[in-house]
């Protein structure tokens, strides 16, 4: 590309012609700015004016309704999580938890022909933001009955969890002895 030296041309140009050229450049710059910046903004503003504030309000209302429906759809899941955290034994006063657990274990054991040998509550201790109470449970029964017993125990006594368990053959026939540690968690400071 060849460079052009404009200085000799400008020196020969009359001041009126230079002023006209500068005004033409300024005019072209203003025209380009108007066409590429102002006109699109005006068109968008006119489009909004044509649809009116009612359409904008309807759009916002639709978005809000969709958000409300999404929240409503999550409500059952939130309720289930709340029930899992605060339901079952956790919802009872501390002095009634032990009898509740023994009563439930006895009922579950009866339905599955399981012998409830012992339930021994431990001391409460702090685990993160919860109070943990451990129950040492000993049962005897047929293996598959124990499996069904455990499944029902998990459902009926949730949010309690089985921390550990031990199986060993019992002295008679097909029976099995099981010792397990069942933990109950209560949010510190009570329930909500």
C-alpha atoms as a PDB file:
ATOM      1  CA  UNK A   1       0.000   0.000   0.000  1.00  0.00           C
ATOM      2  CA  UNK A   2       1.312   3.362  -0.995  1.00  0.00           C
ATOM      3  CA  UNK A   3       1.187   6.193   1.510  1.00  0.00           C
ATOM      4  CA  UNK A   4      -0.097   9.548   0.380  1.00  0.00           C
ATOM      5  CA  UNK A   5       1.301  12.732   1.801  1.00  0.00           C
ATOM      6  CA  UNK A   6      -1.688  15.030   2.353  1.00  0.00           C
ATOM      7  CA  UNK A   7       0.240  18.030   3.671  1.00  0.00           C
ATOM      8  CA  UNK A   8       1.044  19.606   0.243  1.00  0.00           C
ATOM      9  CA  UNK A   9      -2.605  19.144  -0.746  1.00  0.00           C
ATOM     10  CA  UNK A  10      -3.810  20.818   2.428  1.00  0.00           C
ATOM     11  CA  UNK A  11      -1.399  23.746   1.949  1.00  0.00           C
ATOM     12  CA  UNK A  12      -2.797  24.424  -1.523  1.00  0.00           C
ATOM     13  CA  UNK A  13      -6.422  24.066  -0.360  1.00  0.00           C
ATOM     14  CA  UNK A  14      -8.360  27.191   0.381  1.00  0.00           C
ATOM     15  CA  UNK A  15      -9.624  27.619   3.942  1.00  0.00           C
ATOM     16  CA  UNK A  16     -13.257  27.571   2.790  1.00  0.00           C
ATOM     17  CA  UNK A  17     -12.756  24.211   1.073  1.00  0.00           C
ATOM     18  CA  UNK A  18     -11.011  22.766   4.152  1.00  0.00           C
ATOM     19  CA  UNK A  19     -13.907  23.945   6.345  1.00  0.00           C
ATOM     20  CA  UNK A  20     -16.427  22.410   3.939  1.00  0.00           C
ATOM     21  CA  UNK A  21     -14.517  19.105   3.960  1.00  0.00           C
ATOM     22  CA  UNK A  22     -14.422  19.074   7.785  1.00  0.00           C
ATOM     23  CA  UNK A  23     -18.146  19.849   7.958  1.00  0.00           C
ATOM     24  CA  UNK A  24     -18.870  17.073   5.449  1.00  0.00           C
ATOM     25  CA  UNK A  25     -16.867  14.578   7.565  1.00  0.00           C
ATOM     26  CA  UNK A  26     -18.676  15.700  10.706  1.00  0.00           C
ATOM     27  CA  UNK A  27     -22.025  15.406   8.926  1.00  0.00           C
ATOM     28  CA  UNK A  28     -21.206  11.891   7.695  1.00  0.00           C
ATOM     29  CA  UNK A  29     -20.146  10.885  11.222  1.00  0.00           C
ATOM     30  CA  UNK A  30     -23.415  12.230  12.649  1.00  0.00           C
ATOM     31  CA  UNK A  31     -25.432  10.457   9.947  1.00  0.00           C
ATOM     32  CA  UNK A  32     -23.644   7.132  10.593  1.00  0.00           C
ATOM     33  CA  UNK A  33     -24.211   7.525  14.345  1.00  0.00           C
ATOM     34  CA  UNK A  34     -27.879   8.228  13.763  1.00  0.00           C
ATOM     35  CA  UNK A  35     -28.332   5.272  11.416  1.00  0.00           C
ATOM     36  CA  UNK A  36     -26.403   2.723  13.476  1.00  0.00           C
ATOM     37  CA  UNK A  37     -27.054   3.838  17.043  1.00  0.00           C
ATOM     38  CA  UNK A  38     -30.088   6.083  17.373  1.00  0.00           C
ATOM     39  CA  UNK A  39     -32.432   4.431  14.839  1.00  0.00           C
ATOM     40  CA  UNK A  40     -32.223   0.889  16.331  1.00  0.00           C
ATOM     41  CA  UNK A  41     -32.846   2.296  19.821  1.00  0.00           C
ATOM     42  CA  UNK A  42     -35.809   4.283  18.516  1.00  0.00           C
ATOM     43  CA  UNK A  43     -37.205   1.193  16.796  1.00  0.00           C
ATOM     44  CA  UNK A  44     -36.967  -0.795  20.033  1.00  0.00           C
ATOM     45  CA  UNK A  45     -38.650   2.032  21.953  1.00  0.00           C
ATOM     46  CA  UNK A  46     -41.427   2.223  19.358  1.00  0.00           C
ATOM     47  CA  UNK A  47     -41.883  -1.550  19.602  1.00  0.00           C
ATOM     48  CA  UNK A  48     -42.242  -1.276  23.372  1.00  0.00           C
ATOM     49  CA  UNK A  49     -44.662   1.619  22.966  1.00  0.00           C
ATOM     50  CA  UNK A  50     -46.690  -0.368  20.428  1.00  0.00           C
ATOM     51  CA  UNK A  51     -47.026  -3.363  22.743  1.00  0.00           C
ATOM     52  CA  UNK A  52     -47.613  -1.005  25.625  1.00  0.00           C
ATOM     53  CA  UNK A  53     -46.939  -1.376  29.295  1.00  0.00           C
ATOM     54  CA  UNK A  54     -49.762  -3.938  29.494  1.00  0.00           C
ATOM     55  CA  UNK A  55     -47.790  -6.448  27.379  1.00  0.00           C
ATOM     56  CA  UNK A  56     -44.669  -5.858  29.468  1.00  0.00           C
ATOM     57  CA  UNK A  57     -46.728  -6.311  32.638  1.00  0.00           C
ATOM     58  CA  UNK A  58     -48.251  -9.508  31.205  1.00  0.00           C
ATOM     59  CA  UNK A  59     -44.763 -10.806  30.398  1.00  0.00           C
ATOM     60  CA  UNK A  60     -43.555 -10.097  33.932  1.00  0.00           C
ATOM     61  CA  UNK A  61     -46.750 -11.627  35.375  1.00  0.00           C
ATOM     62  CA  UNK A  62     -46.263 -14.754  33.248  1.00  0.00           C
ATOM     63  CA  UNK A  63     -42.677 -15.091  34.461  1.00  0.00           C
ATOM     64  CA  UNK A  64     -43.836 -14.611  38.053  1.00  0.00           C
ATOM     65  CA  UNK A  65     -46.598 -17.213  37.653  1.00  0.00           C
ATOM     66  CA  UNK A  66     -44.140 -19.713  36.178  1.00  0.00           C
ATOM     67  CA  UNK A  67     -41.810 -19.116  39.128  1.00  0.00           C
ATOM     68  CA  UNK A  68     -44.688 -19.590  41.568  1.00  0.00           C
ATOM     69  CA  UNK A  69     -45.671 -22.849  39.870  1.00  0.00           C
ATOM     70  CA  UNK A  70     -42.068 -24.058  40.037  1.00  0.00           C
ATOM     71  CA  UNK A  71     -41.981 -23.277  43.766  1.00  0.00           C
ATOM     72  CA  UNK A  72     -45.310 -25.027  44.289  1.00  0.00           C
ATOM     73  CA  UNK A  73     -43.933 -28.108  42.514  1.00  0.00           C
ATOM     74  CA  UNK A  74     -40.993 -28.146  44.951  1.00  0.00           C
ATOM     75  CA  UNK A  75     -43.232 -27.818  48.030  1.00  0.00           C
ATOM     76  CA  UNK A  76     -43.926 -31.594  48.439  1.00  0.00           C
ATOM     77  CA  UNK A  77     -40.208 -32.335  48.228  1.00  0.00           C
ATOM     78  CA  UNK A  78     -39.477 -29.646  50.810  1.00  0.00           C
ATOM     79  CA  UNK A  79     -42.213 -31.029  53.068  1.00  0.00           C
ATOM     80  CA  UNK A  80     -40.747 -34.531  52.769  1.00  0.00           C
ATOM     81  CA  UNK A  81     -37.276 -33.233  53.659  1.00  0.00           C
ATOM     82  CA  UNK A  82     -38.714 -31.302  56.608  1.00  0.00           C
ATOM     83  CA  UNK A  83     -40.543 -34.442  57.751  1.00  0.00           C
ATOM     84  CA  UNK A  84     -37.364 -36.495  57.438  1.00  0.00           C
ATOM     85  CA  UNK A  85     -35.431 -33.984  59.523  1.00  0.00           C
ATOM     86  CA  UNK A  86     -38.055 -33.099  62.131  1.00  0.00           C
ATOM     87  CA  UNK A  87     -40.535 -35.990  61.922  1.00  0.00           C
ATOM     88  CA  UNK A  88     -40.714 -39.287  63.761  1.00  0.00           C
ATOM     89  CA  UNK A  89     -38.959 -39.389  67.119  1.00  0.00           C
ATOM     90  CA  UNK A  90     -37.415 -35.952  66.546  1.00  0.00           C
ATOM     91  CA  UNK A  91     -40.834 -34.320  66.773  1.00  0.00           C
ATOM     92  CA  UNK A  92     -41.513 -35.708  70.256  1.00  0.00           C
ATOM     93  CA  UNK A  93     -40.493 -34.150  73.564  1.00  0.00           C
ATOM     94  CA  UNK A  94     -37.180 -35.693  74.746  1.00  0.00           C
ATOM     95  CA  UNK A  95     -38.817 -37.502  77.678  1.00  0.00           C
ATOM     96  CA  UNK A  96     -41.176 -39.424  75.327  1.00  0.00           C
ATOM     97  CA  UNK A  97     -38.648 -40.478  72.684  1.00  0.00           C
ATOM     98  CA  UNK A  98     -37.422 -43.609  74.468  1.00  0.00           C
ATOM     99  CA  UNK A  99     -40.891 -45.081  75.039  1.00  0.00           C
ATOM    100  CA  UNK A 100     -41.898 -44.190  71.458  1.00  0.00           C
ATOM    101  CA  UNK A 101     -38.881 -46.042  70.033  1.00  0.00           C
ATOM    102  CA  UNK A 102     -39.405 -49.115  72.221  1.00  0.00           C
ATOM    103  CA  UNK A 103     -43.100 -49.204  71.301  1.00  0.00           C
ATOM    104  CA  UNK A 104     -42.308 -48.972  67.561  1.00  0.00           C
ATOM    105  CA  UNK A 105     -39.562 -51.607  67.767  1.00  0.00           C
ATOM    106  CA  UNK A 106     -41.919 -53.930  69.644  1.00  0.00           C
ATOM    107  CA  UNK A 107     -44.673 -53.452  67.005  1.00  0.00           C
ATOM    108  CA  UNK A 108     -42.300 -54.006  64.082  1.00  0.00           C
ATOM    109  CA  UNK A 109     -40.834 -57.072  65.805  1.00  0.00           C
ATOM    110  CA  UNK A 110     -44.297 -58.574  66.315  1.00  0.00           C
ATOM    111  CA  UNK A 111     -45.226 -58.120  62.642  1.00  0.00           C
ATOM    112  CA  UNK A 112     -42.086 -59.972  61.507  1.00  0.00           C
ATOM    113  CA  UNK A 113     -41.910 -62.701  64.203  1.00  0.00           C
ATOM    114  CA  UNK A 114     -38.708 -61.197  65.591  1.00  0.00           C
ATOM    115  CA  UNK A 115     -37.787 -61.508  69.270  1.00  0.00           C
ATOM    116  CA  UNK A 116     -36.878 -58.077  70.690  1.00  0.00           C
ATOM    117  CA  UNK A 117     -34.248 -59.051  73.275  1.00  0.00           C
ATOM    118  CA  UNK A 118     -33.176 -55.615  74.559  1.00  0.00           C
ATOM    119  CA  UNK A 119     -33.174 -51.877  73.879  1.00  0.00           C
ATOM    120  CA  UNK A 120     -30.601 -49.816  75.777  1.00  0.00           C
ATOM    121  CA  UNK A 121     -30.483 -46.026  75.322  1.00  0.00           C
ATOM    122  CA  UNK A 122     -27.125 -44.280  75.501  1.00  0.00           C
ATOM    123  CA  UNK A 123     -26.230 -40.760  76.571  1.00  0.00           C
ATOM    124  CA  UNK A 124     -26.858 -37.803  74.287  1.00  0.00           C
ATOM    125  CA  UNK A 125     -23.839 -36.264  72.594  1.00  0.00           C
ATOM    126  CA  UNK A 126     -23.381 -33.337  70.227  1.00  0.00           C
ATOM    127  CA  UNK A 127     -22.767 -34.064  66.539  1.00  0.00           C
ATOM    128  CA  UNK A 128     -22.486 -30.914  64.431  1.00  0.00           C
ATOM    129  CA  UNK A 129     -25.772 -29.040  65.008  1.00  0.00           C
ATOM    130  CA  UNK A 130     -27.641 -32.080  66.335  1.00  0.00           C
ATOM    131  CA  UNK A 131     -27.989 -33.968  69.588  1.00  0.00           C
ATOM    132  CA  UNK A 132     -27.381 -37.667  68.925  1.00  0.00           C
ATOM    133  CA  UNK A 133     -28.893 -40.372  71.136  1.00  0.00           C
ATOM    134  CA  UNK A 134     -27.760 -43.921  70.439  1.00  0.00           C
ATOM    135  CA  UNK A 135     -29.856 -47.008  71.209  1.00  0.00           C
ATOM    136  CA  UNK A 136     -28.243 -50.435  71.430  1.00  0.00           C
ATOM    137  CA  UNK A 137     -30.815 -52.943  70.135  1.00  0.00           C
ATOM    138  CA  UNK A 138     -30.607 -56.732  70.201  1.00  0.00           C
ATOM    139  CA  UNK A 139     -33.025 -58.959  68.271  1.00  0.00           C
ATOM    140  CA  UNK A 140     -33.297 -62.604  67.178  1.00  0.00           C
ATOM    141  CA  UNK A 141     -35.139 -64.199  64.298  1.00  0.00           C
ATOM    142  CA  UNK A 142     -34.875 -65.781  60.872  1.00  0.00           C
ATOM    143  CA  UNK A 143     -32.522 -64.003  58.482  1.00  0.00           C
ATOM    144  CA  UNK A 144     -35.112 -62.899  55.894  1.00  0.00           C
ATOM    145  CA  UNK A 145     -37.457 -61.766  58.655  1.00  0.00           C
ATOM    146  CA  UNK A 146     -34.628 -59.634  60.052  1.00  0.00           C
ATOM    147  CA  UNK A 147     -34.088 -58.064  56.632  1.00  0.00           C
ATOM    148  CA  UNK A 148     -37.800 -57.175  56.376  1.00  0.00           C
ATOM    149  CA  UNK A 149     -37.686 -55.927  59.985  1.00  0.00           C
ATOM    150  CA  UNK A 150     -34.777 -53.597  59.115  1.00  0.00           C
ATOM    151  CA  UNK A 151     -36.603 -52.206  56.064  1.00  0.00           C
ATOM    152  CA  UNK A 152     -39.702 -51.422  58.090  1.00  0.00           C
ATOM    153  CA  UNK A 153     -37.597 -49.987  60.907  1.00  0.00           C
ATOM    154  CA  UNK A 154     -35.953 -47.553  58.465  1.00  0.00           C
ATOM    155  CA  UNK A 155     -39.344 -46.390  57.179  1.00  0.00           C
ATOM    156  CA  UNK A 156     -41.159 -46.132  60.482  1.00  0.00           C
ATOM    157  CA  UNK A 157     -38.405 -44.620  62.618  1.00  0.00           C
ATOM    158  CA  UNK A 158     -36.821 -42.241  60.149  1.00  0.00           C
ATOM    159  CA  UNK A 159     -34.916 -39.956  60.480  1.00  0.00           C
ATOM    160  CA  UNK A 160     -33.202 -42.454  62.771  1.00  0.00           C
ATOM    161  CA  UNK A 161     -30.330 -44.360  61.200  1.00  0.00           C
ATOM    162  CA  UNK A 162     -28.576 -47.665  61.786  1.00  0.00           C
ATOM    163  CA  UNK A 163     -24.957 -46.793  62.550  1.00  0.00           C
ATOM    164  CA  UNK A 164     -23.700 -50.356  62.781  1.00  0.00           C
ATOM    165  CA  UNK A 165     -24.950 -53.905  63.130  1.00  0.00           C
ATOM    166  CA  UNK A 166     -23.587 -57.361  63.857  1.00  0.00           C
ATOM    167  CA  UNK A 167     -25.070 -60.709  62.822  1.00  0.00           C
ATOM    168  CA  UNK A 168     -24.264 -64.039  64.399  1.00  0.00           C
ATOM    169  CA  UNK A 169     -25.964 -67.430  64.326  1.00  0.00           C
ATOM    170  CA  UNK A 170     -28.267 -68.092  67.246  1.00  0.00           C
ATOM    171  CA  UNK A 171     -28.181 -71.382  69.115  1.00  0.00           C
ATOM    172  CA  UNK A 172     -31.418 -72.778  67.656  1.00  0.00           C
ATOM    173  CA  UNK A 173     -31.982 -73.783  64.023  1.00  0.00           C
ATOM    174  CA  UNK A 174     -32.153 -71.083  61.352  1.00  0.00           C
ATOM    175  CA  UNK A 175     -32.384 -68.175  63.752  1.00  0.00           C
ATOM    176  CA  UNK A 176     -29.875 -65.333  63.689  1.00  0.00           C
ATOM    177  CA  UNK A 177     -28.965 -62.879  66.412  1.00  0.00           C
ATOM    178  CA  UNK A 178     -28.439 -59.244  65.505  1.00  0.00           C
ATOM    179  CA  UNK A 179     -27.107 -56.362  67.533  1.00  0.00           C
ATOM    180  CA  UNK A 180     -27.414 -52.919  66.066  1.00  0.00           C
ATOM    181  CA  UNK A 181     -26.764 -49.346  67.010  1.00  0.00           C
ATOM    182  CA  UNK A 182     -29.675 -47.063  66.171  1.00  0.00           C
ATOM    183  CA  UNK A 183     -29.035 -43.292  66.299  1.00  0.00           C
ATOM    184  CA  UNK A 184     -31.630 -40.584  66.743  1.00  0.00           C
ATOM    185  CA  UNK A 185     -30.764 -37.014  65.782  1.00  0.00           C
ATOM    186  CA  UNK A 186     -32.564 -33.973  67.130  1.00  0.00           C
ATOM    187  CA  UNK A 187     -31.718 -30.474  65.892  1.00  0.00           C
ATOM    188  CA  UNK A 188     -30.090 -28.632  68.758  1.00  0.00           C
ATOM    189  CA  UNK A 189     -32.434 -26.074  70.248  1.00  0.00           C
ATOM    190  CA  UNK A 190     -35.633 -28.093  69.616  1.00  0.00           C
ATOM    191  CA  UNK A 191     -37.844 -28.525  66.576  1.00  0.00           C
ATOM    192  CA  UNK A 192     -39.370 -25.936  64.327  1.00  0.00           C
END
